[in-house]
């Protein structure tokens, strides 16, 4: 008997090396029986439900130890499996019965019948009894819908006049793998030069994931391989678009672009400088500055009076007067901040008074002429005492457009009278 067992065990071991690894065999404990269970597992929606091959009709030796098979499935993926019980001779009324560790029992399932009892959700057993009565044939197939830990299903195959044979199948259903799915894209950011900014993405799918951030869609950022990207001490050169590519074992996806806008507060590179000119002339101030977004300018007089329409980088003053002498500043503003320039001093000097020429006396009238200063009031003053007394206005010549000579006439009185022309700046 020992020799018989060893001999047949060696034959079984040799046969298992030839058969695919997913086939397992067992026979009835009756030594003179010649039937067995064969389990074959196939994968994919193209597999024929319940298909089996010529091994099902092979000559099977006797073996007393029931086998078990571990089957790992994935939610959402179709599978099909076949259980074949072979027998030599007629086999009317054969059945397959399933039980599991939760004490559920499918009852005896005969030809053409189906059951889902004991099986993971989504799987079905269908039993076939071939017309030749050589095979009792069952197919377990379907698409798992629920993740589950190891579930033991015991298969009991009954054959007329042959008793029952058994096997155990252990099912494990894993979560389905899915490619990365972005649930929150990185958001555009605006910040000021020198600050830090962070972009981040959240995603679903099957872990683990790899991340790679890109600048302007085509430049991979070294070391930027996390779900968030932090840029420190940002500069204007960091302005642009950022996206992240996410990859797992199933596939990859790219996030939407997020725009980084970098603002720079106003910076003055050339301050306005002091200016001196005579009244009636022109004066100008200029500032050279930068900043992002574009700058707004507002020139001020004596630090607190905003000059109307003085909103450019330069300020031009024409026909200046003494009243315009003072300090000028410009306030620069943009969305990032504001800055006031250093004050620039405008000095307005008084022009040299015109010379009186061609004095004449005729008919008791004293006359003289002078060439006025253009653009300013030319005031003719008189005084009865050249070395003292008070100078009073005799007449004012409105600001002329040209230097054409102006003639002044005065009736001669009984006292001396002196004349001079004064420019009112």
Protein backbone atom coordinates (compact mmCIF):
# COMPACT_ATOMS: atom_id res chain seq x y z
CA UNK A 1 0.00 0.00 0.00
CA UNK A 2 2.88 2.35 0.79
CA UNK A 3 4.41 1.58 -2.59
CA UNK A 4 1.06 2.18 -4.30
CA UNK A 5 0.70 5.64 -2.69
CA UNK A 6 4.26 6.74 -3.42
CA UNK A 7 4.07 5.51 -6.99
CA UNK A 8 0.87 7.41 -7.66
CA UNK A 9 2.10 10.52 -5.83
CA UNK A 10 5.15 10.60 -8.15
CA UNK A 11 2.89 10.25 -11.19
CA UNK A 12 0.70 13.11 -9.90
CA UNK A 13 3.69 15.37 -9.29
CA UNK A 14 4.94 14.74 -12.83
CA UNK A 15 1.53 15.45 -14.28
CA UNK A 16 1.18 18.73 -12.40
CA UNK A 17 4.46 19.92 -13.93
CA UNK A 18 2.94 19.43 -17.36
CA UNK A 19 -0.43 21.02 -16.63
CA UNK A 20 -0.83 24.81 -16.33
CA UNK A 21 -0.27 26.02 -12.79
CA UNK A 22 -3.89 27.05 -12.33
CA UNK A 23 -5.20 23.47 -12.73
CA UNK A 24 -5.72 21.43 -9.58
CA UNK A 25 -6.87 17.83 -9.31
CA UNK A 26 -8.50 15.61 -6.72
CA UNK A 27 -10.26 12.28 -6.79
CA UNK A 28 -12.80 10.48 -4.68
CA UNK A 29 -11.42 8.68 -1.65
CA UNK A 30 -12.63 5.47 -3.25
CA UNK A 31 -9.48 3.83 -4.56
CA UNK A 32 -11.17 2.34 -7.60
CA UNK A 33 -12.71 5.66 -8.78
CA UNK A 34 -11.45 7.36 -11.92
CA UNK A 35 -12.95 10.84 -11.81
CA UNK A 36 -11.50 14.21 -10.74
CA UNK A 37 -12.14 17.95 -10.40
CA UNK A 38 -10.16 20.18 -12.76
CA UNK A 39 -10.19 23.96 -12.12
CA UNK A 40 -9.14 26.33 -14.88
CA UNK A 41 -9.20 30.11 -14.47
CA UNK A 42 -9.22 32.45 -17.46
CA UNK A 43 -9.29 36.25 -17.60
CA UNK A 44 -10.89 38.84 -19.80
CA UNK A 45 -14.18 39.59 -21.53
CA UNK A 46 -13.12 37.56 -24.60
CA UNK A 47 -12.86 34.32 -22.64
CA UNK A 48 -15.66 31.87 -23.37
CA UNK A 49 -17.81 31.31 -20.31
CA UNK A 50 -17.18 27.77 -19.04
CA UNK A 51 -14.58 26.90 -21.71
CA UNK A 52 -12.32 23.89 -21.03
CA UNK A 53 -9.68 21.91 -22.88
CA UNK A 54 -8.62 18.35 -23.67
CA UNK A 55 -6.91 17.91 -20.31
CA UNK A 56 -10.40 17.42 -18.89
CA UNK A 57 -10.45 13.95 -20.38
CA UNK A 58 -7.00 12.93 -19.19
CA UNK A 59 -6.47 9.80 -17.15
CA UNK A 60 -6.27 10.97 -13.52
CA UNK A 61 -4.55 9.00 -10.75
CA UNK A 62 -5.97 8.58 -7.28
CA UNK A 63 -5.02 11.23 -4.67
CA UNK A 64 -6.48 11.56 -1.19
CA UNK A 65 -5.69 15.22 -0.30
CA UNK A 66 -8.22 17.89 -1.38
CA UNK A 67 -6.61 20.83 -3.18
CA UNK A 68 -7.27 24.54 -2.88
CA UNK A 69 -6.92 27.43 -5.32
CA UNK A 70 -6.35 31.11 -4.52
CA UNK A 71 -8.07 33.48 -6.97
CA UNK A 72 -7.38 37.24 -6.92
CA UNK A 73 -9.94 39.40 -8.75
CA UNK A 74 -10.33 43.13 -9.35
CA UNK A 75 -13.52 45.14 -9.12
CA UNK A 76 -14.85 46.04 -12.55
CA UNK A 77 -12.92 43.42 -14.55
CA UNK A 78 -14.72 40.45 -16.13
CA UNK A 79 -13.48 36.93 -15.34
CA UNK A 80 -14.52 33.41 -16.21
CA UNK A 81 -13.56 30.09 -14.58
CA UNK A 82 -14.39 26.49 -15.31
CA UNK A 83 -14.79 23.53 -12.98
CA UNK A 84 -14.77 20.20 -14.78
CA UNK A 85 -15.57 16.91 -13.07
CA UNK A 86 -14.60 13.93 -15.21
CA UNK A 87 -16.19 10.49 -15.01
CA UNK A 88 -15.97 7.31 -17.05
CA UNK A 89 -19.50 6.24 -17.78
CA UNK A 90 -22.98 7.61 -17.54
CA UNK A 91 -23.59 10.44 -15.14
CA UNK A 92 -27.27 11.36 -14.98
CA UNK A 93 -28.31 13.66 -12.16
CA UNK A 94 -24.85 15.02 -11.41
CA UNK A 95 -24.67 18.31 -9.50
CA UNK A 96 -22.36 20.93 -8.00
CA UNK A 97 -23.01 22.44 -4.56
CA UNK A 98 -21.33 25.48 -3.04
CA UNK A 99 -20.87 26.33 0.61
CA UNK A 100 -18.77 29.02 2.29
CA UNK A 101 -17.32 30.03 5.61
CA UNK A 102 -20.46 32.05 6.43
CA UNK A 103 -22.44 28.77 6.41
CA UNK A 104 -24.31 29.67 3.23
CA UNK A 105 -25.31 26.77 0.98
CA UNK A 106 -26.33 26.99 -2.68
CA UNK A 107 -28.05 23.63 -2.64
CA UNK A 108 -27.47 21.11 -5.43
CA UNK A 109 -27.15 22.92 -8.79
CA UNK A 110 -27.88 20.64 -11.75
CA UNK A 111 -27.72 20.92 -15.51
CA UNK A 112 -28.55 24.44 -16.80
CA UNK A 113 -29.14 25.93 -13.34
CA UNK A 114 -27.32 28.97 -11.89
CA UNK A 115 -26.60 30.41 -8.47
CA UNK A 116 -24.86 33.40 -6.94
CA UNK A 117 -24.96 32.06 -3.38
CA UNK A 118 -21.59 31.88 -1.62
CA UNK A 119 -19.78 33.75 -4.40
CA UNK A 120 -18.35 37.29 -4.30
CA UNK A 121 -20.88 39.91 -5.47
CA UNK A 122 -21.07 39.95 -9.26
CA UNK A 123 -20.08 36.30 -9.85
CA UNK A 124 -22.40 33.46 -10.97
CA UNK A 125 -22.08 29.65 -11.14
CA UNK A 126 -23.75 27.85 -14.07
CA UNK A 127 -23.73 24.04 -14.30
CA UNK A 128 -23.65 21.95 -17.50
CA UNK A 129 -24.12 18.15 -17.82
CA UNK A 130 -22.75 17.19 -21.20
CA UNK A 131 -24.90 14.85 -23.33
CA UNK A 132 -22.08 12.32 -23.35
CA UNK A 133 -22.44 12.12 -19.57
CA UNK A 134 -18.66 12.07 -19.36
CA UNK A 135 -18.39 15.55 -17.88
CA UNK A 136 -20.14 17.43 -15.13
CA UNK A 137 -19.26 20.98 -16.07
CA UNK A 138 -19.55 24.25 -14.12
CA UNK A 139 -18.59 27.83 -14.96
CA UNK A 140 -18.01 30.65 -12.45
CA UNK A 141 -18.03 33.97 -14.28
CA UNK A 142 -18.91 37.66 -13.98
CA UNK A 143 -17.62 41.08 -13.01
CA UNK A 144 -16.89 41.63 -9.29
CA UNK A 145 -18.50 44.79 -7.94
CA UNK A 146 -17.37 44.93 -4.31
CA UNK A 147 -13.98 44.82 -2.64
CA UNK A 148 -13.70 41.88 -0.24
CA UNK A 149 -11.09 40.08 1.79
CA UNK A 150 -10.43 36.38 1.35
CA UNK A 151 -13.66 34.43 0.89
CA UNK A 152 -13.55 30.62 1.04
CA UNK A 153 -15.95 28.77 -1.24
CA UNK A 154 -16.16 24.96 -0.98
CA UNK A 155 -17.10 23.10 -4.15
CA UNK A 156 -18.86 19.77 -3.74
CA UNK A 157 -19.31 17.79 -7.00
CA UNK A 158 -21.76 14.85 -6.79
CA UNK A 159 -21.81 12.01 -9.31
CA UNK A 160 -24.37 9.17 -9.51
CA UNK A 161 -23.08 6.11 -7.74
CA UNK A 162 -19.63 7.65 -7.25
CA UNK A 163 -20.07 9.75 -4.13
CA UNK A 164 -18.81 13.37 -3.79
CA UNK A 165 -15.48 15.08 -4.37
CA UNK A 166 -14.45 18.43 -2.90
CA UNK A 167 -12.20 21.42 -3.45
CA UNK A 168 -11.82 24.88 -1.89
CA UNK A 169 -11.52 28.16 -3.80
CA UNK A 170 -10.32 31.27 -1.97
CA UNK A 171 -11.48 34.53 -3.60
CA UNK A 172 -9.93 37.93 -2.93
CA UNK A 173 -11.45 40.99 -4.66
CA UNK A 174 -9.22 44.04 -4.89
CA UNK A 175 -10.17 47.62 -5.68
CA UNK A 176 -10.00 48.41 -9.37
CA UNK A 177 -6.99 50.31 -10.58
CA UNK A 178 -7.80 53.62 -12.23
CA UNK A 179 -5.68 56.28 -13.91
CA UNK A 180 -5.04 59.60 -12.14
CA UNK A 181 -8.08 61.88 -12.01
CA UNK A 182 -7.57 65.52 -11.04
CA UNK A 183 -10.16 66.74 -8.56
CA UNK A 184 -8.67 70.20 -7.92
CA UNK A 185 -6.44 71.91 -10.47
CA UNK A 186 -3.72 74.37 -9.41
CA UNK A 187 -5.04 77.93 -9.11
CA UNK A 188 -3.54 81.03 -10.70
CA UNK A 189 -1.63 83.26 -8.27
CA UNK A 190 -0.55 86.91 -8.21
CA UNK A 191 2.16 88.04 -5.81
CA UNK A 192 4.93 90.57 -5.33
CA UNK A 193 8.63 90.20 -6.12
CA UNK A 194 10.49 88.56 -3.23
CA UNK A 195 7.52 86.69 -1.82
CA UNK A 196 6.81 82.93 -1.92
CA UNK A 197 3.99 81.22 -3.81
CA UNK A 198 2.62 77.67 -3.77
CA UNK A 199 0.68 75.72 -6.39
CA UNK A 200 -1.03 72.47 -5.45
CA UNK A 201 -3.13 69.74 -7.05
CA UNK A 202 -5.41 67.08 -5.60
CA UNK A 203 -6.21 63.93 -7.50
CA UNK A 204 -7.84 60.54 -7.30
CA UNK A 205 -6.99 57.23 -8.91
CA UNK A 206 -4.95 54.27 -7.82
CA UNK A 207 -1.81 55.05 -5.79
CA UNK A 208 1.13 55.33 -5.92
CA UNK A 209 1.47 58.46 -8.04
CA UNK A 210 4.44 60.33 -9.47
CA UNK A 211 4.31 64.10 -10.02
CA UNK A 212 6.33 66.38 -12.29
CA UNK A 213 5.76 70.14 -12.46
CA UNK A 214 6.44 72.08 -15.66
CA UNK A 215 7.04 75.77 -16.38
CA UNK A 216 5.41 77.21 -19.50
CA UNK A 217 4.26 73.66 -20.42
CA UNK A 218 7.61 72.31 -21.62
CA UNK A 219 10.31 72.93 -19.01
CA UNK A 220 10.47 70.25 -16.31
CA UNK A 221 11.35 71.87 -12.98
CA UNK A 222 14.15 69.95 -11.20
CA UNK A 223 13.03 68.39 -7.93
CA UNK A 224 9.41 69.47 -8.45
CA UNK A 225 7.98 66.00 -7.90
CA UNK A 226 5.32 66.45 -5.21
CA UNK A 227 1.63 67.28 -5.31
CA UNK A 228 2.53 70.88 -4.42
CA UNK A 229 5.12 73.29 -5.83
CA UNK A 230 6.57 76.15 -3.75
CA UNK A 231 8.58 78.96 -5.36
CA UNK A 232 10.60 81.13 -2.99
CA UNK A 233 11.79 84.71 -3.50
CA UNK A 234 9.93 85.00 -6.79
CA UNK A 235 11.20 87.36 -9.48
CA UNK A 236 9.74 88.74 -12.69
CA UNK A 237 11.39 85.85 -14.55
CA UNK A 238 9.08 83.44 -12.71
CA UNK A 239 6.05 84.91 -14.46
CA UNK A 240 4.37 82.26 -16.62
CA UNK A 241 2.27 79.10 -16.63
CA UNK A 242 2.69 76.08 -14.36
CA UNK A 243 1.17 72.61 -14.71
CA UNK A 244 1.77 69.18 -13.19
CA UNK A 245 1.81 65.76 -14.89
CA UNK A 246 0.52 62.93 -12.70
CA UNK A 247 1.32 59.30 -13.50
CA UNK A 248 0.49 55.91 -12.00
CA UNK A 249 0.66 52.32 -13.21
CA UNK A 250 -2.51 52.73 -15.27
CA UNK A 251 -1.96 56.03 -17.06
CA UNK A 252 -1.20 59.72 -16.73
CA UNK A 253 -2.90 63.09 -16.94
CA UNK A 254 -1.93 66.76 -16.96
CA UNK A 255 -3.48 69.50 -14.86
CA UNK A 256 -4.77 72.74 -16.30
CA UNK A 257 -2.31 75.63 -16.54
CA UNK A 258 -2.06 77.97 -13.57
CA UNK A 259 -0.72 81.47 -14.26
CA UNK A 260 1.81 83.08 -11.95
CA UNK A 261 1.70 86.87 -12.21
CA UNK A 262 4.59 88.61 -10.48
CA UNK A 263 4.18 92.25 -9.49
CA UNK A 264 7.03 94.65 -8.76
CA UNK A 265 6.36 97.83 -6.75
CA UNK A 266 7.65 101.09 -8.24
CA UNK A 267 11.43 101.48 -8.32
CA UNK A 268 13.07 104.79 -9.24
CA UNK A 269 16.35 104.58 -11.13
CA UNK A 270 16.72 108.32 -11.91
CA UNK A 271 15.28 110.97 -9.57
CA UNK A 272 14.06 114.36 -10.85
CA UNK A 273 16.75 117.08 -10.54
CA UNK A 274 16.67 120.77 -9.56
CA UNK A 275 15.95 123.34 -12.26
CA UNK A 276 16.60 127.11 -12.49
CA UNK A 277 15.29 129.51 -15.14
CA UNK A 278 14.14 133.07 -15.54
CA UNK A 279 10.51 133.97 -15.29
CA UNK A 280 8.83 133.58 -18.66
CA UNK A 281 11.02 130.67 -19.60
CA UNK A 282 10.31 126.96 -19.45
CA UNK A 283 11.19 124.33 -16.88
CA UNK A 284 11.05 120.53 -16.89
CA UNK A 285 11.41 117.58 -14.52
CA UNK A 286 11.75 113.92 -15.36
CA UNK A 287 11.80 110.61 -13.49
CA UNK A 288 12.97 107.19 -14.69
CA UNK A 289 11.26 104.30 -12.91
CA UNK A 290 10.06 100.73 -13.35
CA UNK A 291 7.45 98.41 -11.93
CA UNK A 292 4.84 95.78 -12.83
CA UNK A 293 2.01 96.37 -13.64
CA UNK A 294 2.58 99.65 -15.49
CA UNK A 295 3.08 102.73 -13.34
CA UNK A 296 0.74 105.67 -12.77
CA UNK A 297 2.32 109.09 -12.25
CA UNK A 298 1.08 112.15 -10.35
CA UNK A 299 3.27 115.24 -10.01
CA UNK A 300 2.85 117.42 -6.94
CA UNK A 301 3.88 120.98 -6.08
CA UNK A 302 5.36 121.66 -2.67
CA UNK A 303 4.59 118.02 -1.72
CA UNK A 304 0.82 118.38 -1.29
CA UNK A 305 -0.74 120.04 -4.33
CA UNK A 306 -1.53 117.65 -7.15
CA UNK A 307 -0.90 119.31 -10.49
CA UNK A 308 -3.75 118.97 -12.96
CA UNK A 309 -3.02 116.56 -15.85
CA UNK A 310 0.56 116.10 -14.64
CA UNK A 311 0.36 112.30 -15.01
CA UNK A 312 3.39 111.36 -17.09
CA UNK A 313 6.97 110.46 -16.27
CA UNK A 314 7.97 114.01 -17.18
CA UNK A 315 6.57 117.40 -16.16
CA UNK A 316 6.93 120.38 -18.53
CA UNK A 317 6.21 123.93 -17.34
CA UNK A 318 5.99 126.78 -19.85
CA UNK A 319 6.17 130.54 -19.29
CA UNK A 320 7.02 130.00 -15.65
CA UNK A 321 6.24 132.55 -12.96
CA UNK A 322 7.77 133.30 -9.60
CA UNK A 323 4.69 131.76 -7.99
CA UNK A 324 5.75 128.40 -9.43
CA UNK A 325 9.07 128.40 -7.62
CA UNK A 326 9.22 125.59 -5.07
CA UNK A 327 9.66 121.83 -4.79
CA UNK A 328 8.25 119.24 -7.17
CA UNK A 329 7.78 115.52 -6.50
CA UNK A 330 6.11 112.70 -8.38
CA UNK A 331 4.11 109.87 -6.77
CA UNK A 332 4.40 106.52 -8.58
CA UNK A 333 1.73 103.87 -8.03
CA UNK A 334 0.74 100.46 -9.37
CA UNK A 335 -1.12 97.43 -8.03
CA UNK A 336 1.95 96.39 -6.06
CA UNK A 337 2.53 99.63 -4.14
CA UNK A 338 3.48 103.31 -4.31
CA UNK A 339 6.61 105.44 -4.07
CA UNK A 340 7.31 109.18 -3.92
CA UNK A 341 10.36 110.63 -5.61
CA UNK A 342 12.89 112.90 -3.98
CA UNK A 343 11.91 116.62 -4.20
CA UNK A 344 13.35 118.71 -7.03
CA UNK A 345 13.65 122.50 -6.56
CA UNK A 346 12.49 124.98 -9.18
CA UNK A 347 14.19 128.38 -8.87
CA UNK A 348 12.56 131.23 -10.87
CA UNK A 349 14.74 134.29 -11.42
CA UNK A 350 13.63 137.78 -12.50
CA UNK A 351 14.70 138.85 -15.98
CA UNK A 352 16.81 142.02 -16.47
CA UNK A 353 14.64 145.09 -16.77
CA UNK A 354 14.43 146.65 -20.28
CA UNK A 355 16.44 149.79 -21.05
CA UNK A 356 14.53 153.06 -21.62
CA UNK A 357 15.53 154.69 -24.91
CA UNK A 358 14.76 157.77 -27.06
CA UNK A 359 13.38 160.18 -24.41
CA UNK A 360 11.82 163.30 -25.98
CA UNK A 361 9.97 166.42 -24.79
CA UNK A 362 7.44 168.07 -27.07
CA UNK A 363 4.44 170.24 -26.29
CA UNK A 364 4.69 169.66 -22.55
CA UNK A 365 4.74 165.86 -22.96
CA UNK A 366 7.62 163.61 -22.00
CA UNK A 367 7.97 160.37 -24.07
CA UNK A 368 10.29 157.37 -24.05
CA UNK A 369 10.32 153.82 -25.45
CA UNK A 370 11.51 150.40 -24.32
CA UNK A 371 11.51 146.85 -25.68
CA UNK A 372 9.37 144.77 -23.32
CA UNK A 373 10.09 141.30 -21.98
CA UNK A 374 7.88 138.84 -23.79
CA UNK A 375 5.28 136.93 -21.80
CA UNK A 376 5.58 138.93 -18.58
CA UNK A 377 3.93 142.08 -17.26
CA UNK A 378 6.17 145.07 -17.88
CA UNK A 379 5.38 147.64 -15.17
CA UNK A 380 6.35 151.32 -15.68
CA UNK A 381 7.13 152.97 -12.32
CA UNK A 382 7.63 156.65 -11.39
CA UNK A 383 9.26 158.41 -8.46
CA UNK A 384 9.82 162.07 -7.65
CA UNK A 385 13.11 161.32 -5.89
CA UNK A 386 15.59 159.06 -7.60
CA UNK A 387 17.47 158.36 -4.37
CA UNK A 388 14.48 158.03 -2.10
CA UNK A 389 10.77 158.30 -2.09
CA UNK A 390 8.41 155.67 -3.32
CA UNK A 391 8.11 154.14 -6.75
CA UNK A 392 4.54 153.90 -7.88
CA UNK A 393 3.00 152.23 -10.87
CA UNK A 394 2.32 154.54 -13.72
CA UNK A 395 1.13 151.85 -16.12
CA UNK A 396 1.34 148.11 -16.65
CA UNK A 397 1.99 146.68 -20.06
CA UNK A 398 0.25 143.28 -20.30
CA UNK A 399 2.53 140.40 -21.24
CA UNK A 400 3.40 141.07 -24.85
CA UNK A 401 3.86 138.42 -27.50
CA UNK A 402 6.79 140.23 -29.11
CA UNK A 403 9.57 142.61 -28.16
CA UNK A 404 8.26 145.40 -30.36
CA UNK A 405 9.00 148.80 -28.78
CA UNK A 406 6.45 150.28 -26.41
CA UNK A 407 6.10 154.08 -26.15
CA UNK A 408 5.18 155.72 -22.84
CA UNK A 409 3.94 159.32 -22.62
CA UNK A 410 3.62 161.53 -19.49
CA UNK A 411 2.60 165.19 -19.04
CA UNK A 412 5.40 167.33 -17.67
CA UNK A 413 4.63 168.68 -14.18
CA UNK A 414 6.30 171.30 -12.06
CA UNK A 415 8.57 168.79 -10.31
CA UNK A 416 11.18 166.32 -11.41
CA UNK A 417 9.98 162.81 -12.19
CA UNK A 418 12.04 159.69 -12.69
CA UNK A 419 10.98 156.54 -14.64
CA UNK A 420 11.96 152.93 -14.72
CA UNK A 421 10.54 149.64 -16.09
CA UNK A 422 10.14 146.66 -13.71
CA UNK A 423 9.32 143.11 -14.77
CA UNK A 424 6.72 141.27 -12.69
CA UNK A 425 7.80 137.66 -12.79
